[in-house]
Protein backbone atom coordinates (compact mmCIF):
# COMPACT_ATOMS: atom_id res chain seq x y z
CA MET A 1 7.59 -5.97 9.76
CA ASN A 2 6.89 -6.99 6.20
CA PHE A 3 4.58 -5.08 3.93
CA LYS A 4 2.42 -6.96 1.44
CA SER A 5 2.86 -6.10 -2.22
CA ASN A 6 -0.43 -4.20 -2.41
CA GLU A 7 0.52 -2.25 0.73
CA LYS A 8 3.83 -1.24 -0.82
CA ALA A 9 2.03 -0.12 -3.97
CA ALA A 10 -0.47 1.90 -1.92
CA ILE A 11 2.32 3.60 0.04
CA LEU A 12 4.15 4.44 -3.19
CA ARG A 13 0.93 5.96 -4.57
CA LEU A 14 0.54 8.10 -1.43
CA LEU A 15 4.19 9.15 -1.58
CA SER A 16 3.65 10.27 -5.18
CA LEU A 17 0.72 12.42 -4.05
CA MET A 18 2.96 14.05 -1.45
CA SER A 19 5.75 14.60 -4.01
CA ILE A 20 3.55 16.52 -6.41
CA SER A 21 1.52 18.41 -3.81
CA ASP A 22 3.62 21.58 -4.01
CA GLY A 23 3.52 21.66 -7.81
CA SER A 24 7.04 20.38 -8.45
CA VAL A 25 9.12 17.32 -7.66
CA ASP A 26 12.49 18.15 -6.17
CA PRO A 27 15.43 15.81 -6.95
CA ARG A 28 15.76 15.20 -3.19
CA GLU A 29 12.19 13.94 -3.11
CA ILE A 30 13.00 11.51 -5.91
CA GLY A 31 16.11 10.33 -4.09
CA ILE A 32 14.37 9.74 -0.78
CA THR A 33 11.47 7.99 -2.49
CA GLN A 34 13.94 5.62 -4.14
CA LEU A 35 15.54 4.97 -0.76
CA PHE A 36 12.14 4.27 0.78
CA MET A 37 11.30 1.90 -2.08
CA LYS A 38 14.51 -0.01 -1.49
CA ARG A 39 13.97 -0.22 2.26
CA LEU A 40 10.38 -1.36 1.82
CA GLY A 41 11.54 -3.98 -0.66
CA ALA A 42 9.33 -2.57 -3.40
CA THR A 43 9.67 -4.27 -6.77
CA ASN A 44 9.13 -2.96 -10.29
CA SER A 45 5.80 -4.77 -10.19
CA ASP A 46 4.82 -2.79 -7.03
CA VAL A 47 5.76 0.43 -8.81
CA ALA A 48 3.67 -0.52 -11.86
CA THR A 49 0.72 -1.44 -9.64
CA SER A 50 1.06 1.89 -7.85
CA ALA A 51 0.94 3.76 -11.14
CA ARG A 52 -2.36 2.06 -12.07
CA MET A 53 -3.87 2.53 -8.61
CA SER A 54 -6.36 5.30 -7.84
CA ASP A 55 -5.96 7.50 -4.79
CA SER A 56 -9.09 5.96 -3.27
CA GLN A 57 -7.78 2.42 -3.85
CA ALA A 58 -4.49 3.35 -2.13
CA CYS A 59 -6.37 4.73 0.88
CA SER A 60 -8.64 1.71 1.05
CA ILE A 61 -5.63 -0.60 1.18
CA ALA A 62 -3.84 1.66 3.67
CA LYS A 63 -6.85 1.68 5.99
CA GLY A 64 -6.59 -2.08 6.25
CA MET A 65 -2.97 -2.02 7.42
CA SER A 66 -2.01 -2.57 11.05
CA PHE A 67 -1.46 0.48 13.25
CA GLU A 68 2.32 -0.16 13.22
CA LYS A 69 2.36 -0.18 9.41
CA LYS A 70 0.27 2.99 9.36
CA LYS A 71 2.85 4.65 11.61
CA VAL A 72 5.61 3.74 9.19
CA ALA A 73 3.62 5.02 6.21
CA SER A 74 2.86 8.27 8.01
CA ALA A 75 6.53 8.65 8.93
CA LEU A 76 7.53 8.14 5.28
CA LEU A 77 5.11 10.90 4.23
CA VAL A 78 6.47 13.31 6.86
CA GLU A 79 10.07 12.61 5.84
CA LEU A 80 9.20 13.11 2.18
CA MET A 81 7.44 16.38 2.96
CA VAL A 82 10.60 17.85 4.50
CA ALA A 83 13.04 16.29 2.01
CA ASP A 84 13.46 19.51 0.00
CA ASN A 85 13.80 21.67 3.15
CA ASP A 86 10.83 23.76 2.03
CA VAL A 87 7.48 22.82 3.55
CA ASP A 88 4.56 24.81 2.16
CA ARG A 89 0.90 24.96 3.10
CA GLN A 90 -0.19 22.66 0.30
CA GLU A 91 2.18 19.94 1.46
CA VAL A 92 0.89 20.23 5.02
CA ALA A 93 -2.68 20.11 3.74
CA THR A 94 -1.85 17.03 1.66
CA LEU A 95 -0.28 15.29 4.67
CA VAL A 96 -3.27 16.09 6.88
CA GLY A 97 -5.68 14.94 4.17
CA ILE A 98 -3.90 11.66 3.54
CA CYS A 99 -3.63 10.94 7.26
CA ALA A 100 -7.33 11.65 7.77
CA LYS A 101 -8.56 9.66 4.76
CA CYS A 102 -6.24 6.70 5.33
CA GLU A 103 -6.60 6.74 9.13
CA PHE A 104 -2.88 7.27 9.67
CA PRO A 105 -1.60 8.81 12.92
CA MET A 106 -0.31 12.37 12.58
CA LEU A 107 3.36 12.37 13.51
CA THR A 108 5.76 15.18 14.33
CA LEU A 109 9.08 15.21 12.49
CA PHE A 110 10.77 13.90 15.65
CA ASP A 111 8.24 11.07 15.93
CA ALA A 112 8.60 10.23 12.23
CA GLN A 113 12.36 10.00 12.53
CA SER A 114 12.05 7.77 15.61
CA VAL A 115 9.61 5.43 13.82
CA LEU A 116 11.84 5.14 10.80
CA ALA A 117 14.97 4.62 12.88
CA GLU A 118 13.18 1.72 14.57
CA TYR A 119 11.78 0.28 11.34
CA PHE A 120 14.80 0.77 9.06
């Protein structure tokens, strides 16, 4: 499965929302985001586009992705949420909000790991 450039940028934007949702960005969140970027094949241009993208633009692009791509995006968000081994209410609320607004499936941690194992 190949993600289009605008889809990669949208996913990066959504990952950044998850990273900051608890008020701080843990080094483990940075590391896993970099790993995700590499595995998605995100370029510096995708990162720059993501930085200029609004949250609503990211969701609009994400809504247009296939269900399989949405599953991968949701799995990335779940994995990022647990990266620092400290899940708080705000992170859960952010995940639920993103999934609702972007029409992503809600995944358990087990499901997220299975999706990513299949994709990556």
